[in-house]
Amino acid sequence: MNFASKVHLLCAGLLALLPTVATAQNGEKTFPTRPITLIVPFPAGGPSDALARAIVQPMAADLRQAIIVENVSGASGTIGLSKFIRSPADGYTIGFGTTGTHVANVALYRKLPYDPIADFEPIGLAGTASTVLIAKSSLSVSNLAEFVAYARANSANMTFGSAGIGSISHYACVALLSSLKLNITHVAYRGVAPAMNDLIGGHTDFMCDQTTTALAQINAGTIKAIAVLGGQKVTQLPDVATAASAGYSDINVRAWNALFAPKGSPGDVMARLTRALQSALADPALRSQMNAVGVDLPWPESLDSAQVSGLIASGIHQDVPVLRLRGESLD
């Protein structure tokens, strides 16, 4: 074969590859081509971290790429999310946000280092959980009416713990105490684990925690469940009444968690990430695992990024004034 023939064959081969190259440059069909990083703005081992890690496993399988969880904790999630919003908007860095990071922090920081709406592109809701008023086992109350009577008589000597200012455990107790018009000393811990340990040890009187972390200790009998802080009963706690049934319909605190991409991420990349989340949420093993700890996963067909934006906007409108009334601030 002469030189000209070789060149002809080479050119023909390159031309045959052009559709493949064009397809490779079309983001949706090839994204992702390398591992994705998920920034969780909380310490490892907490309820948000546990949910994030559970969800990314089936997501990674659908995407056929690893999803590496990076815990960047501190300052009620603001450090991790500040790093997240500076990431390239290419889908290779996604973030985990909660009621605390996107609602409570608006009230607690005079100058929040991110805009909870403008800086985030919602991929979708990742799960919701009820919050429960829990108390040390030696506290002489068994329901909300008894707790209210006891707290009104002993508030000056009581303390409540939380995973830190701005956490859902903090916000839920703020909502509770604001409704009851009580002022009780807050003890902020660095995460839910040490707060729970001190409650079990009787060093604080009560907490308002997500079912995600409270159920195991309630079932073990190391703490007692007083009331569900909302109007909907928790299936795993059939004998625990709701705040609404006790006459406090204004107490309705439900934790939500969501996945985000940086604002400006391409539409085709967002669509691929949303499909991966939908696939994860449809996984029966994941649904069973989360149901066991009281986490409700949205159904894949109802996944809508606008739903997350609505939760943020309504939370800022309704809940931020309640938090600000308490006068607690982080800066």
C-alpha atoms as a PDB file:
ATOM      1  CA  MET A   1       0.000   0.000   0.000  1.00  0.00           C
ATOM      2  CA  ASN A   2       1.426   3.370  -1.023  1.00  0.00           C
ATOM      3  CA  PHE A   3       1.627   6.471   1.151  1.00  0.00           C
ATOM      4  CA  ALA A   4      -1.446   8.139  -0.398  1.00  0.00           C
ATOM      5  CA  SER A   5      -3.573   5.084   0.259  1.00  0.00           C
ATOM      6  CA  LYS A   6      -2.450   4.992   3.894  1.00  0.00           C
ATOM      7  CA  VAL A   7      -3.363   8.658   4.316  1.00  0.00           C
ATOM      8  CA  HIS A   8      -6.762   8.025   2.741  1.00  0.00           C
ATOM      9  CA  LEU A   9      -7.478   5.157   5.133  1.00  0.00           C
ATOM     10  CA  LEU A  10      -6.313   7.201   8.114  1.00  0.00           C
ATOM     11  CA  CYS A  11      -8.569  10.110   7.176  1.00  0.00           C
ATOM     12  CA  ALA A  12     -11.498   7.760   6.677  1.00  0.00           C
ATOM     13  CA  GLY A  13     -10.894   6.302  10.117  1.00  0.00           C
ATOM     14  CA  LEU A  14     -10.778   9.732  11.724  1.00  0.00           C
ATOM     15  CA  LEU A  15     -13.979  10.771   9.999  1.00  0.00           C
ATOM     16  CA  ALA A  16     -15.675   7.642  11.314  1.00  0.00           C
ATOM     17  CA  LEU A  17     -14.738   8.692  14.839  1.00  0.00           C
ATOM     18  CA  LEU A  18     -16.183  12.192  14.541  1.00  0.00           C
ATOM     19  CA  PRO A  19     -19.731  11.274  15.667  1.00  0.00           C
ATOM     20  CA  THR A  20     -18.236   9.576  18.727  1.00  0.00           C
ATOM     21  CA  VAL A  21     -16.142  12.629  19.516  1.00  0.00           C
ATOM     22  CA  ALA A  22     -19.169  14.863  19.080  1.00  0.00           C
ATOM     23  CA  THR A  23     -21.152  12.632  21.383  1.00  0.00           C
ATOM     24  CA  ALA A  24     -18.351  12.741  23.952  1.00  0.00           C
ATOM     25  CA  GLN A  25     -18.502  16.516  23.916  1.00  0.00           C
ATOM     26  CA  ASN A  26     -22.243  16.438  24.562  1.00  0.00           C
ATOM     27  CA  GLY A  27     -22.211  16.653  28.376  1.00  0.00           C
ATOM     28  CA  GLU A  28     -25.316  14.628  29.217  1.00  0.00           C
ATOM     29  CA  LYS A  29     -24.306  11.461  27.375  1.00  0.00           C
ATOM     30  CA  THR A  30     -20.875  11.203  28.928  1.00  0.00           C
ATOM     31  CA  PHE A  31     -21.250  12.955  32.298  1.00  0.00           C
ATOM     32  CA  PRO A  32     -19.730  11.949  34.581  1.00  0.00           C
ATOM     33  CA  THR A  33     -16.357  10.819  33.270  1.00  0.00           C
ATOM     34  CA  ARG A  34     -14.611  11.003  36.653  1.00  0.00           C
ATOM     35  CA  PRO A  35     -15.529  10.755  40.355  1.00  0.00           C
ATOM     36  CA  ILE A  36     -17.891  13.294  41.929  1.00  0.00           C
ATOM     37  CA  THR A  37     -17.325  14.928  45.314  1.00  0.00           C
ATOM     38  CA  LEU A  38     -20.230  15.445  47.715  1.00  0.00           C
ATOM     39  CA  ILE A  39     -19.547  18.110  50.342  1.00  0.00           C
ATOM     40  CA  VAL A  40     -21.401  17.380  53.577  1.00  0.00           C
ATOM     41  CA  PRO A  41     -21.052  20.443  55.847  1.00  0.00           C
ATOM     42  CA  PHE A  42     -21.275  18.412  59.063  1.00  0.00           C
ATOM     43  CA  PRO A  43     -19.079  15.943  60.950  1.00  0.00           C
ATOM     44  CA  ALA A  44     -19.087  12.289  59.968  1.00  0.00           C
ATOM     45  CA  GLY A  45     -21.509  10.130  61.911  1.00  0.00           C
ATOM     46  CA  GLY A  46     -24.378  12.598  62.333  1.00  0.00           C
ATOM     47  CA  PRO A  47     -27.878  12.130  60.888  1.00  0.00           C
ATOM     48  CA  SER A  48     -27.269  14.300  57.805  1.00  0.00           C
ATOM     49  CA  ASP A  49     -23.976  12.562  57.054  1.00  0.00           C
ATOM     50  CA  ALA A  50     -25.577   9.131  57.467  1.00  0.00           C
ATOM     51  CA  LEU A  51     -28.395  10.000  55.052  1.00  0.00           C
ATOM     52  CA  ALA A  52     -25.985  11.526  52.528  1.00  0.00           C
ATOM     53  CA  ARG A  53     -23.756   8.437  52.530  1.00  0.00           C
ATOM     54  CA  ALA A  54     -26.724   6.096  52.192  1.00  0.00           C
ATOM     55  CA  ILE A  55     -28.125   7.970  49.201  1.00  0.00           C
ATOM     56  CA  VAL A  56     -24.883   8.391  47.253  1.00  0.00           C
ATOM     57  CA  GLN A  57     -24.236   4.650  47.119  1.00  0.00           C
ATOM     58  CA  PRO A  58     -27.108   3.861  44.712  1.00  0.00           C
ATOM     59  CA  MET A  59     -26.551   7.213  42.977  1.00  0.00           C
ATOM     60  CA  ALA A  60     -22.951   6.237  42.243  1.00  0.00           C
ATOM     61  CA  ALA A  61     -24.100   2.898  40.858  1.00  0.00           C
ATOM     62  CA  ASP A  62     -26.496   4.663  38.485  1.00  0.00           C
ATOM     63  CA  LEU A  63     -23.854   7.187  37.404  1.00  0.00           C
ATOM     64  CA  ARG A  64     -21.181   4.490  37.117  1.00  0.00           C
ATOM     65  CA  GLN A  65     -18.751   6.745  38.921  1.00  0.00           C
ATOM     66  CA  ALA A  66     -17.630   6.978  42.516  1.00  0.00           C
ATOM     67  CA  ILE A  67     -19.104   9.702  44.716  1.00  0.00           C
ATOM     68  CA  ILE A  68     -16.602  10.729  47.371  1.00  0.00           C
ATOM     69  CA  VAL A  69     -18.091  12.206  50.554  1.00  0.00           C
ATOM     70  CA  GLU A  70     -16.038  15.075  51.959  1.00  0.00           C
ATOM     71  CA  ASN A  71     -17.015  16.263  55.439  1.00  0.00           C
ATOM     72  CA  VAL A  72     -16.223  19.975  55.765  1.00  0.00           C
ATOM     73  CA  SER A  73     -17.761  20.817  59.109  1.00  0.00           C
ATOM     74  CA  GLY A  74     -17.859  23.878  61.321  1.00  0.00           C
ATOM     75  CA  ALA A  75     -19.839  27.059  61.959  1.00  0.00           C
ATOM     76  CA  SER A  76     -23.259  25.399  61.549  1.00  0.00           C
ATOM     77  CA  GLY A  77     -22.482  24.186  58.052  1.00  0.00           C
ATOM     78  CA  THR A  78     -21.361  27.547  56.679  1.00  0.00           C
ATOM     79  CA  ILE A  79     -17.714  26.528  56.197  1.00  0.00           C
ATOM     80  CA  GLY A  80     -18.574  23.541  54.043  1.00  0.00           C
ATOM     81  CA  LEU A  81     -21.183  25.352  51.982  1.00  0.00           C
ATOM     82  CA  SER A  82     -18.904  28.356  51.515  1.00  0.00           C
ATOM     83  CA  LYS A  83     -16.403  25.970  49.935  1.00  0.00           C
ATOM     84  CA  PHE A  84     -19.150  24.339  47.908  1.00  0.00           C
ATOM     85  CA  ILE A  85     -20.434  27.532  46.268  1.00  0.00           C
ATOM     86  CA  ARG A  86     -16.893  28.353  45.085  1.00  0.00           C
ATOM     87  CA  SER A  87     -16.684  25.028  43.222  1.00  0.00           C
ATOM     88  CA  PRO A  88     -16.879  24.913  39.413  1.00  0.00           C
ATOM     89  CA  ALA A  89     -20.450  24.598  38.173  1.00  0.00           C
ATOM     90  CA  ASP A  90     -19.736  21.420  36.227  1.00  0.00           C
ATOM     91  CA  GLY A  91     -21.523  18.771  38.304  1.00  0.00           C
ATOM     92  CA  TYR A  92     -18.364  17.251  39.741  1.00  0.00           C
ATOM     93  CA  THR A  93     -18.924  18.889  43.110  1.00  0.00           C
ATOM     94  CA  ILE A  94     -22.345  18.634  44.703  1.00  0.00           C
ATOM     95  CA  GLY A  95     -23.483  19.673  48.165  1.00  0.00           C
ATOM     96  CA  PHE A  96     -25.773  18.570  50.966  1.00  0.00           C
ATOM     97  CA  GLY A  97     -28.053  21.122  52.597  1.00  0.00           C
ATOM     98  CA  THR A  98     -30.612  21.021  55.394  1.00  0.00           C
ATOM     99  CA  THR A  99     -33.241  23.029  57.211  1.00  0.00           C
ATOM    100  CA  GLY A 100     -30.425  24.326  59.402  1.00  0.00           C
ATOM    101  CA  THR A 101     -28.053  25.453  56.655  1.00  0.00           C
ATOM    102  CA  HIS A 102     -30.711  27.048  54.458  1.00  0.00           C
ATOM    103  CA  VAL A 103     -33.238  28.394  56.959  1.00  0.00           C
ATOM    104  CA  ALA A 104     -31.945  28.602  60.529  1.00  0.00           C
ATOM    105  CA  ASN A 105     -28.611  30.115  59.495  1.00  0.00           C
ATOM    106  CA  VAL A 106     -30.414  33.006  57.839  1.00  0.00           C
ATOM    107  CA  ALA A 107     -31.591  34.065  61.288  1.00  0.00           C
ATOM    108  CA  LEU A 108     -28.422  33.243  63.170  1.00  0.00           C
ATOM    109  CA  TYR A 109     -25.900  35.021  60.946  1.00  0.00           C
ATOM    110  CA  ARG A 110     -26.153  38.735  60.301  1.00  0.00           C
ATOM    111  CA  LYS A 111     -23.939  38.203  57.244  1.00  0.00           C
ATOM    112  CA  LEU A 112     -24.352  34.691  55.920  1.00  0.00           C
ATOM    113  CA  PRO A 113     -21.452  33.792  53.563  1.00  0.00           C
ATOM    114  CA  TYR A 114     -23.859  32.364  50.988  1.00  0.00           C
ATOM    115  CA  ASP A 115     -27.318  33.071  49.645  1.00  0.00           C
ATOM    116  CA  PRO A 116     -29.476  29.984  50.363  1.00  0.00           C
ATOM    117  CA  ILE A 117     -31.439  30.493  47.142  1.00  0.00           C
ATOM    118  CA  ALA A 118     -29.236  32.405  44.686  1.00  0.00           C
ATOM    119  CA  ASP A 119     -26.080  30.300  45.177  1.00  0.00           C
ATOM    120  CA  PHE A 120     -27.656  26.847  44.883  1.00  0.00           C
ATOM    121  CA  GLU A 121     -29.183  24.742  42.107  1.00  0.00           C
ATOM    122  CA  PRO A 122     -31.439  22.099  43.723  1.00  0.00           C
ATOM    123  CA  ILE A 123     -30.961  18.563  42.457  1.00  0.00           C
ATOM    124  CA  GLY A 124     -33.813  17.354  44.612  1.00  0.00           C
ATOM    125  CA  LEU A 125     -35.143  16.577  48.055  1.00  0.00           C
ATOM    126  CA  ALA A 126     -33.176  13.754  49.706  1.00  0.00           C
ATOM    127  CA  GLY A 127     -35.393  12.980  52.685  1.00  0.00           C
ATOM    128  CA  THR A 128     -37.422  14.361  55.572  1.00  0.00           C
ATOM    129  CA  ALA A 129     -37.687  13.324  59.206  1.00  0.00           C
ATOM    130  CA  SER A 130     -39.904  14.117  62.165  1.00  0.00           C
ATOM    131  CA  THR A 131     -38.442  15.721  65.261  1.00  0.00           C
ATOM    132  CA  VAL A 132     -39.164  14.396  68.729  1.00  0.00           C
ATOM    133  CA  LEU A 133     -39.000  15.963  72.172  1.00  0.00           C
ATOM    134  CA  ILE A 134     -36.844  13.571  74.187  1.00  0.00           C
ATOM    135  CA  ALA A 135     -35.842  13.760  77.835  1.00  0.00           C
ATOM    136  CA  LYS A 136     -33.410  12.144  80.229  1.00  0.00           C
ATOM    137  CA  SER A 137     -34.867   8.951  81.634  1.00  0.00           C
ATOM    138  CA  SER A 138     -35.060  10.344  85.174  1.00  0.00           C
ATOM    139  CA  LEU A 139     -37.214  13.359  84.237  1.00  0.00           C
ATOM    140  CA  SER A 140     -40.588  12.850  85.925  1.00  0.00           C
ATOM    141  CA  VAL A 141     -42.748  13.498  82.841  1.00  0.00           C
ATOM    142  CA  SER A 142     -44.254  11.136  80.275  1.00  0.00           C
ATOM    143  CA  ASN A 143     -46.215  13.380  77.896  1.00  0.00           C
ATOM    144  CA  LEU A 144     -46.258  16.950  76.628  1.00  0.00           C
ATOM    145  CA  ALA A 145     -48.803  18.226  79.162  1.00  0.00           C
ATOM    146  CA  GLU A 146     -46.659  16.961  82.022  1.00  0.00           C
ATOM    147  CA  PHE A 147     -43.519  18.377  80.407  1.00  0.00           C
ATOM    148  CA  VAL A 148     -45.128  21.828  80.071  1.00  0.00           C
ATOM    149  CA  ALA A 149     -46.230  21.829  83.715  1.00  0.00           C
ATOM    150  CA  TYR A 150     -42.803  20.673  84.911  1.00  0.00           C
ATOM    151  CA  ALA A 151     -40.913  23.159  82.718  1.00  0.00           C
ATOM    152  CA  ARG A 152     -43.031  26.100  83.852  1.00  0.00           C
ATOM    153  CA  ALA A 153     -42.271  25.237  87.461  1.00  0.00           C
ATOM    154  CA  ASN A 154     -38.564  24.463  86.964  1.00  0.00           C
ATOM    155  CA  SER A 155     -37.384  26.406  83.876  1.00  0.00           C
ATOM    156  CA  ALA A 156     -34.740  28.367  85.789  1.00  0.00           C
ATOM    157  CA  ASN A 157     -32.928  25.159  86.662  1.00  0.00           C
ATOM    158  CA  MET A 158     -33.351  23.279  83.383  1.00  0.00           C
ATOM    159  CA  THR A 159     -31.089  22.937  80.351  1.00  0.00           C
ATOM    160  CA  PHE A 160     -31.585  21.566  76.850  1.00  0.00           C
ATOM    161  CA  GLY A 161     -28.861  20.291  74.552  1.00  0.00           C
ATOM    162  CA  SER A 162     -28.421  20.516  70.802  1.00  0.00           C
ATOM    163  CA  ALA A 163     -25.967  19.573  68.081  1.00  0.00           C
ATOM    164  CA  GLY A 164     -25.005  23.260  67.915  1.00  0.00           C
ATOM    165  CA  ILE A 165     -26.547  26.635  67.219  1.00  0.00           C
ATOM    166  CA  GLY A 166     -28.337  26.477  63.899  1.00  0.00           C
ATOM    167  CA  SER A 167     -28.766  22.690  63.926  1.00  0.00           C
ATOM    168  CA  ILE A 168     -32.208  21.167  63.522  1.00  0.00           C
ATOM    169  CA  SER A 169     -32.047  19.999  67.141  1.00  0.00           C
ATOM    170  CA  HIS A 170     -31.506  23.615  68.186  1.00  0.00           C
ATOM    171  CA  TYR A 171     -34.182  25.053  65.931  1.00  0.00           C
ATOM    172  CA  ALA A 172     -36.792  22.464  66.957  1.00  0.00           C
ATOM    173  CA  CYS A 173     -36.356  23.302  70.638  1.00  0.00           C
ATOM    174  CA  VAL A 174     -36.464  27.024  69.856  1.00  0.00           C
ATOM    175  CA  ALA A 175     -39.810  26.510  68.110  1.00  0.00           C
ATOM    176  CA  LEU A 176     -41.070  24.466  71.049  1.00  0.00           C
ATOM    177  CA  LEU A 177     -39.998  26.944  73.730  1.00  0.00           C
ATOM    178  CA  SER A 178     -41.262  29.906  71.734  1.00  0.00           C
ATOM    179  CA  SER A 179     -44.699  28.283  71.509  1.00  0.00           C
ATOM    180  CA  LEU A 180     -44.651  27.506  75.229  1.00  0.00           C
ATOM    181  CA  LYS A 181     -43.293  30.990  76.053  1.00  0.00           C
ATOM    182  CA  LEU A 182     -40.486  29.487  78.104  1.00  0.00           C
ATOM    183  CA  ASN A 183     -36.864  30.515  78.441  1.00  0.00           C
ATOM    184  CA  ILE A 184     -34.560  27.586  79.233  1.00  0.00           C
ATOM    185  CA  THR A 185     -30.764  27.545  79.089  1.00  0.00           C
ATOM    186  CA  HIS A 186     -29.349  26.150  75.850  1.00  0.00           C
ATOM    187  CA  VAL A 187     -26.202  24.012  75.852  1.00  0.00           C
ATOM    188  CA  ALA A 188     -24.694  23.808  72.354  1.00  0.00           C
ATOM    189  CA  TYR A 189     -22.482  20.815  71.552  1.00  0.00           C
ATOM    190  CA  ARG A 190     -20.233  20.052  68.594  1.00  0.00           C
ATOM    191  CA  GLY A 191     -22.492  17.510  66.994  1.00  0.00           C
ATOM    192  CA  VAL A 192     -25.438  15.365  67.983  1.00  0.00           C
ATOM    193  CA  ALA A 193     -23.371  12.506  69.461  1.00  0.00           C
ATOM    194  CA  PRO A 194     -21.942  14.427  72.447  1.00  0.00           C
ATOM    195  CA  ALA A 195     -25.310  16.120  73.004  1.00  0.00           C
ATOM    196  CA  MET A 196     -27.021  12.726  73.094  1.00  0.00           C
ATOM    197  CA  ASN A 197     -24.351  11.299  75.403  1.00  0.00           C
ATOM    198  CA  ASP A 198     -24.930  14.063  77.940  1.00  0.00           C
ATOM    199  CA  LEU A 199     -28.689  13.600  77.757  1.00  0.00           C
ATOM    200  CA  ILE A 200     -28.278   9.880  78.395  1.00  0.00           C
ATOM    201  CA  GLY A 201     -25.980  10.726  81.286  1.00  0.00           C
ATOM    202  CA  GLY A 202     -28.547  13.122  82.735  1.00  0.00           C
ATOM    203  CA  HIS A 203     -26.326  16.197  82.369  1.00  0.00           C
ATOM    204  CA  THR A 204     -29.039  18.005  80.365  1.00  0.00           C
ATOM    205  CA  ASP A 205     -32.789  17.667  80.773  1.00  0.00           C
ATOM    206  CA  PHE A 206     -34.090  17.363  77.241  1.00  0.00           C
ATOM    207  CA  MET A 207     -33.399  17.651  73.514  1.00  0.00           C
ATOM    208  CA  CYS A 208     -35.414  18.013  70.335  1.00  0.00           C
ATOM    209  CA  ASP A 209     -33.877  15.534  67.922  1.00  0.00           C
ATOM    210  CA  GLN A 210     -34.576  13.928  64.592  1.00  0.00           C
ATOM    211  CA  THR A 211     -35.953  10.412  64.621  1.00  0.00           C
ATOM    212  CA  THR A 212     -32.847   9.455  62.617  1.00  0.00           C
ATOM    213  CA  THR A 213     -30.695   9.507  65.733  1.00  0.00           C
ATOM    214  CA  ALA A 214     -33.294   9.417  68.522  1.00  0.00           C
ATOM    215  CA  LEU A 215     -35.075   6.150  67.705  1.00  0.00           C
ATOM    216  CA  ALA A 216     -32.240   3.828  68.699  1.00  0.00           C
ATOM    217  CA  GLN A 217     -31.842   5.447  72.123  1.00  0.00           C
ATOM    218  CA  ILE A 218     -35.611   5.606  72.699  1.00  0.00           C
ATOM    219  CA  ASN A 219     -35.960   1.914  71.884  1.00  0.00           C
ATOM    220  CA  ALA A 220     -32.991   1.092  74.128  1.00  0.00           C
ATOM    221  CA  GLY A 221     -34.668   2.907  77.014  1.00  0.00           C
ATOM    222  CA  THR A 222     -31.709   5.199  77.686  1.00  0.00           C
ATOM    223  CA  ILE A 223     -33.932   8.263  77.091  1.00  0.00           C
ATOM    224  CA  LYS A 224     -37.695   8.801  76.931  1.00  0.00           C
ATOM    225  CA  ALA A 225     -39.809  10.175  74.088  1.00  0.00           C
ATOM    226  CA  ILE A 226     -42.262  12.878  75.203  1.00  0.00           C
ATOM    227  CA  ALA A 227     -43.929  14.105  72.004  1.00  0.00           C
ATOM    228  CA  VAL A 228     -43.599  14.295  68.243  1.00  0.00           C
ATOM    229  CA  LEU A 229     -43.084  17.956  67.356  1.00  0.00           C
ATOM    230  CA  GLY A 230     -45.665  18.096  64.616  1.00  0.00           C
ATOM    231  CA  GLY A 231     -49.099  16.906  63.629  1.00  0.00           C
ATOM    232  CA  GLN A 232     -48.150  13.558  62.093  1.00  0.00           C
ATOM    233  CA  LYS A 233     -47.402  10.520  64.235  1.00  0.00           C
ATOM    234  CA  VAL A 234     -44.201   8.556  63.750  1.00  0.00           C
ATOM    235  CA  THR A 235     -44.881   4.977  62.688  1.00  0.00           C
ATOM    236  CA  GLN A 236     -41.943   3.674  64.682  1.00  0.00           C
ATOM    237  CA  LEU A 237     -43.250   5.413  67.846  1.00  0.00           C
ATOM    238  CA  PRO A 238     -46.945   4.456  67.892  1.00  0.00           C
ATOM    239  CA  ASP A 239     -47.414   5.318  71.571  1.00  0.00           C
ATOM    240  CA  VAL A 240     -45.925   8.825  71.357  1.00  0.00           C
ATOM    241  CA  ALA A 241     -48.533  11.546  70.837  1.00  0.00           C
ATOM    242  CA  THR A 242     -48.058  14.577  68.613  1.00  0.00           C
ATOM    243  CA  ALA A 243     -47.801  18.154  69.804  1.00  0.00           C
ATOM    244  CA  ALA A 244     -50.898  18.946  67.745  1.00  0.00           C
ATOM    245  CA  SER A 245     -52.964  16.339  69.573  1.00  0.00           C
ATOM    246  CA  ALA A 246     -51.881  17.938  72.854  1.00  0.00           C
ATOM    247  CA  GLY A 247     -53.245  21.296  71.710  1.00  0.00           C
ATOM    248  CA  TYR A 248     -50.077  22.808  70.235  1.00  0.00           C
ATOM    249  CA  SER A 249     -50.832  22.831  66.519  1.00  0.00           C
ATOM    250  CA  ASP A 250     -48.339  25.653  65.935  1.00  0.00           C
ATOM    251  CA  ILE A 251     -45.420  23.349  66.814  1.00  0.00           C
ATOM    252  CA  ASN A 252     -44.573  21.634  63.550  1.00  0.00           C
ATOM    253  CA  VAL A 253     -40.878  21.047  62.948  1.00  0.00           C
ATOM    254  CA  ARG A 254     -39.831  18.601  60.271  1.00  0.00           C
ATOM    255  CA  ALA A 255     -36.241  18.281  59.135  1.00  0.00           C
ATOM    256  CA  TRP A 256     -35.537  18.212  55.412  1.00  0.00           C
ATOM    257  CA  ASN A 257     -32.362  17.403  53.509  1.00  0.00           C
ATOM    258  CA  ALA A 258     -31.543  18.104  49.879  1.00  0.00           C
ATOM    259  CA  LEU A 259     -28.814  17.757  47.275  1.00  0.00           C
ATOM    260  CA  PHE A 260     -27.549  20.798  45.403  1.00  0.00           C
ATOM    261  CA  ALA A 261     -25.220  21.726  42.577  1.00  0.00           C
ATOM    262  CA  PRO A 262     -23.557  25.154  42.314  1.00  0.00           C
ATOM    263  CA  LYS A 263     -25.682  27.807  40.634  1.00  0.00           C
ATOM    264  CA  GLY A 264     -25.173  27.896  36.898  1.00  0.00           C
ATOM    265  CA  SER A 265     -24.578  24.163  36.464  1.00  0.00           C
ATOM    266  CA  PRO A 266     -25.521  23.037  32.914  1.00  0.00           C
ATOM    267  CA  GLY A 267     -29.060  21.821  32.415  1.00  0.00           C
ATOM    268  CA  ASP A 268     -28.036  18.465  30.960  1.00  0.00           C
ATOM    269  CA  VAL A 269     -25.736  17.795  33.912  1.00  0.00           C
ATOM    270  CA  MET A 270     -28.505  18.751  36.351  1.00  0.00           C
ATOM    271  CA  ALA A 271     -30.891  16.407  34.537  1.00  0.00           C
ATOM    272  CA  ARG A 272     -28.408  13.528  34.822  1.00  0.00           C
ATOM    273  CA  LEU A 273     -27.853  14.138  38.549  1.00  0.00           C
ATOM    274  CA  THR A 274     -31.601  14.313  39.145  1.00  0.00           C
ATOM    275  CA  ARG A 275     -32.114  11.020  37.313  1.00  0.00           C
ATOM    276  CA  ALA A 276     -29.424   9.414  39.464  1.00  0.00           C
ATOM    277  CA  LEU A 277     -31.156  10.688  42.604  1.00  0.00           C
ATOM    278  CA  GLN A 278     -34.489   9.381  41.310  1.00  0.00           C
ATOM    279  CA  SER A 279     -32.884   5.994  40.723  1.00  0.00           C
ATOM    280  CA  ALA A 280     -31.469   5.993  44.264  1.00  0.00           C
ATOM    281  CA  LEU A 281     -34.811   6.906  45.823  1.00  0.00           C
ATOM    282  CA  ALA A 282     -36.480   4.025  43.985  1.00  0.00           C
ATOM    283  CA  ASP A 283     -34.070   1.499  45.520  1.00  0.00           C
ATOM    284  CA  PRO A 284     -36.133  -0.778  47.829  1.00  0.00           C
ATOM    285  CA  ALA A 285     -33.121  -1.523  50.052  1.00  0.00           C
ATOM    286  CA  LEU A 286     -32.495   2.193  50.630  1.00  0.00           C
ATOM    287  CA  ARG A 287     -36.156   2.895  51.341  1.00  0.00           C
ATOM    288  CA  SER A 288     -36.290   0.062  53.858  1.00  0.00           C
ATOM    289  CA  GLN A 289     -33.056   1.193  55.515  1.00  0.00           C
ATOM    290  CA  MET A 290     -34.258   4.786  55.871  1.00  0.00           C
ATOM    291  CA  ASN A 291     -37.757   3.827  56.999  1.00  0.00           C
ATOM    292  CA  ALA A 292     -36.224   1.868  59.886  1.00  0.00           C
ATOM    293  CA  VAL A 293     -34.718   5.074  61.282  1.00  0.00           C
ATOM    294  CA  GLY A 294     -37.738   7.270  60.628  1.00  0.00           C
ATOM    295  CA  VAL A 295     -36.597   9.001  57.439  1.00  0.00           C
ATOM    296  CA  ASP A 296     -39.219   9.509  54.730  1.00  0.00           C
ATOM    297  CA  LEU A 297     -37.797   9.462  51.231  1.00  0.00           C
ATOM    298  CA  PRO A 298     -39.671  11.315  48.485  1.00  0.00           C
ATOM    299  CA  TRP A 299     -41.038   9.150  45.702  1.00  0.00           C
ATOM    300  CA  PRO A 300     -38.899   9.469  42.537  1.00  0.00           C
ATOM    301  CA  GLU A 301     -41.796  10.614  40.372  1.00  0.00           C
ATOM    302  CA  SER A 302     -42.481  13.537  42.714  1.00  0.00           C
ATOM    303  CA  LEU A 303     -38.895  14.793  42.678  1.00  0.00           C
ATOM    304  CA  ASP A 304     -38.931  18.470  41.754  1.00  0.00           C
ATOM    305  CA  SER A 305     -36.208  21.053  42.288  1.00  0.00           C
ATOM    306  CA  ALA A 306     -38.887  23.720  42.740  1.00  0.00           C
ATOM    307  CA  GLN A 307     -40.081  21.814  45.801  1.00  0.00           C
ATOM    308  CA  VAL A 308     -36.717  22.433  47.498  1.00  0.00           C
ATOM    309  CA  SER A 309     -36.742  26.118  46.583  1.00  0.00           C
ATOM    310  CA  GLY A 310     -40.251  26.350  48.042  1.00  0.00           C
ATOM    311  CA  LEU A 311     -39.154  24.762  51.312  1.00  0.00           C
ATOM    312  CA  ILE A 312     -36.316  27.257  51.629  1.00  0.00           C
ATOM    313  CA  ALA A 313     -38.466  30.264  50.812  1.00  0.00           C
ATOM    314  CA  SER A 314     -41.319  29.269  53.121  1.00  0.00           C
ATOM    315  CA  GLY A 315     -38.906  28.405  55.924  1.00  0.00           C
ATOM    316  CA  ILE A 316     -37.215  31.777  55.693  1.00  0.00           C
ATOM    317  CA  HIS A 317     -40.585  33.515  55.685  1.00  0.00           C
ATOM    318  CA  GLN A 318     -42.193  31.557  58.533  1.00  0.00           C
ATOM    319  CA  ASP A 319     -39.400  30.273  60.753  1.00  0.00           C
ATOM    320  CA  VAL A 320     -36.640  32.872  60.685  1.00  0.00           C
ATOM    321  CA  PRO A 321     -38.671  35.411  62.706  1.00  0.00           C
ATOM    322  CA  VAL A 322     -39.177  32.768  65.426  1.00  0.00           C
ATOM    323  CA  LEU A 323     -35.446  32.129  65.673  1.00  0.00           C
ATOM    324  CA  ARG A 324     -34.635  35.825  65.766  1.00  0.00           C
ATOM    325  CA  LEU A 325     -37.000  36.326  68.681  1.00  0.00           C
ATOM    326  CA  ARG A 326     -34.732  34.113  70.760  1.00  0.00           C
ATOM    327  CA  GLY A 327     -31.878  36.564  70.261  1.00  0.00           C
ATOM    328  CA  GLU A 328     -29.222  33.894  69.615  1.00  0.00           C
ATOM    329  CA  SER A 329     -26.655  34.825  66.998  1.00  0.00           C
ATOM    330  CA  LEU A 330     -23.442  33.393  65.632  1.00  0.00           C
ATOM    331  CA  ASP A 331     -21.727  36.626  64.568  1.00  0.00           C
END
